[in-house]
Amino acid sequence: MSEAVPSGRRARALSEALTAAFAPEHLEVRDESHMHAVPKGAESHFRVVVVSSGFAGKSLVARHREVNAAAAEELRSGLHALAIEALTPEQWEARGGQAAKSPPCLGGSKAG
């Protein structure tokens, strides 16, 4: 499995939960809190890319529900936003192994 995980507590917890739930071929857990008007170190806004053969034949809604279920503890304990890319290995390969870019925050963005 290839993996990109930041070092914060919540990032590690998300990585562990998603790995246990999906045995992903590729996993990215990105803390995007710095792109929002939150205190430094808030770990409140994340983007995850989960590539798993377990998503084959499932709708996008079903995939997102499964990822949200795996992240339920973090969502209950202060995770404010979770952007999800849940892909099969074939979809990931067709994209050239590239995750989508996050748009700028429209509600209190720190970006100018």
Protein backbone atom coordinates (compact mmCIF):
# COMPACT_ATOMS: atom_id res chain seq x y z
CA MET A 1 0.00 0.00 0.00
CA SER A 2 1.22 3.49 -0.75
CA GLU A 3 0.32 6.10 1.80
CA ALA A 4 0.55 9.83 2.50
CA VAL A 5 -0.28 10.62 6.12
CA PRO A 6 0.50 13.78 8.10
CA SER A 7 1.76 13.39 11.63
CA GLY A 8 -1.15 14.69 13.74
CA ARG A 9 -3.16 12.53 16.12
CA ARG A 10 -6.37 12.76 14.12
CA ALA A 11 -4.57 12.00 10.85
CA ARG A 12 -3.06 8.87 12.38
CA ALA A 13 -6.44 7.81 13.78
CA LEU A 14 -8.12 8.28 10.39
CA SER A 15 -5.34 6.36 8.66
CA GLU A 16 -5.64 3.46 11.10
CA ALA A 17 -9.45 3.34 10.83
CA LEU A 18 -9.45 3.47 7.02
CA THR A 19 -6.69 0.88 6.75
CA ALA A 20 -8.58 -1.49 9.02
CA ALA A 21 -11.86 -1.00 7.15
CA PHE A 22 -10.64 -1.14 3.55
CA ALA A 23 -7.12 -2.63 3.32
CA PRO A 24 -6.46 0.07 0.71
CA GLU A 25 -3.98 -0.24 -2.12
CA HIS A 26 -3.42 3.50 -1.78
CA LEU A 27 -4.35 5.85 1.06
CA GLU A 28 -3.88 9.57 1.47
CA VAL A 29 -4.97 11.42 4.59
CA ARG A 30 -4.40 15.15 4.22
CA ASP A 31 -4.99 17.72 6.92
CA GLU A 32 -6.39 20.75 5.09
CA SER A 33 -7.23 22.70 8.22
CA HIS A 34 -4.61 25.32 7.34
CA MET A 35 -6.83 26.30 4.37
CA HIS A 36 -9.64 27.34 6.73
CA ALA A 37 -10.18 29.94 9.43
CA VAL A 38 -9.46 27.63 12.36
CA PRO A 39 -6.83 27.76 15.10
CA LYS A 40 -3.41 26.38 14.23
CA GLY A 41 -3.29 22.65 14.95
CA ALA A 42 -7.09 22.29 14.86
CA GLU A 43 -7.08 19.10 12.72
CA SER A 44 -10.66 19.87 11.74
CA HIS A 45 -10.71 19.59 7.93
CA PHE A 46 -9.39 16.53 6.10
CA ARG A 47 -9.30 15.06 2.60
CA VAL A 48 -8.90 11.32 2.19
CA VAL A 49 -8.19 9.27 -0.91
CA VAL A 50 -8.98 5.61 -0.38
CA VAL A 51 -8.24 3.18 -3.21
CA SER A 52 -9.67 -0.27 -2.54
CA SER A 53 -10.96 -3.17 -4.60
CA GLY A 54 -13.71 -3.38 -1.97
CA PHE A 55 -15.41 -0.41 -3.67
CA ALA A 56 -16.01 -2.34 -6.91
CA GLY A 57 -19.67 -2.41 -7.90
CA LYS A 58 -20.67 0.10 -5.20
CA SER A 59 -22.21 3.49 -5.86
CA LEU A 60 -20.42 6.67 -4.90
CA VAL A 61 -22.97 7.24 -2.13
CA ALA A 62 -22.40 3.73 -0.72
CA ARG A 63 -18.62 4.26 -0.78
CA HIS A 64 -18.92 7.58 1.03
CA ARG A 65 -21.22 6.05 3.64
CA GLU A 66 -18.65 3.32 4.29
CA VAL A 67 -15.81 5.83 4.65
CA ASN A 68 -17.92 8.00 6.97
CA ALA A 69 -18.76 4.92 9.05
CA ALA A 70 -15.04 4.06 9.34
CA ALA A 71 -14.31 7.68 10.39
CA ALA A 72 -17.29 7.86 12.78
CA GLU A 73 -15.24 8.22 15.97
CA GLU A 74 -13.29 11.18 14.58
CA LEU A 75 -16.47 12.77 13.23
CA ARG A 76 -18.01 12.48 16.71
CA SER A 77 -14.96 13.98 18.38
CA GLY A 78 -14.41 17.21 16.49
CA LEU A 79 -13.65 16.42 12.85
CA HIS A 80 -15.63 19.14 11.09
CA ALA A 81 -15.19 18.29 7.39
CA LEU A 82 -14.13 15.18 5.50
CA ALA A 83 -13.67 15.32 1.73
CA ILE A 84 -13.69 11.79 0.31
CA GLU A 85 -12.34 10.21 -2.85
CA ALA A 86 -13.23 6.51 -2.72
CA LEU A 87 -11.93 4.75 -5.81
CA THR A 88 -11.32 1.28 -7.18
CA PRO A 89 -7.75 0.50 -8.28
CA GLU A 90 -8.90 0.73 -11.91
CA GLN A 91 -10.36 4.21 -11.37
CA TRP A 92 -7.19 5.33 -9.60
CA GLU A 93 -5.04 4.01 -12.45
CA ALA A 94 -7.28 5.70 -15.05
CA ARG A 95 -6.65 9.01 -13.23
CA GLY A 96 -2.94 8.46 -13.45
CA GLY A 97 -2.70 8.00 -9.68
CA GLN A 98 -3.62 11.62 -9.01
CA ALA A 99 -5.95 12.95 -6.33
CA ALA A 100 -8.28 15.85 -7.09
CA LYS A 101 -7.27 19.28 -5.82
CA SER A 102 -9.32 20.86 -3.07
CA PRO A 103 -11.14 24.06 -4.00
CA PRO A 104 -10.55 27.14 -1.87
CA CYS A 105 -12.72 27.45 1.20
CA LEU A 106 -15.63 29.83 0.62
CA GLY A 107 -16.56 30.24 4.28
CA GLY A 108 -13.80 31.98 6.18
CA SER A 109 -10.86 30.96 4.02
CA LYS A 110 -7.42 32.14 4.98
CA ALA A 111 -6.50 32.24 1.28
CA GLY A 112 -6.50 35.65 -0.26
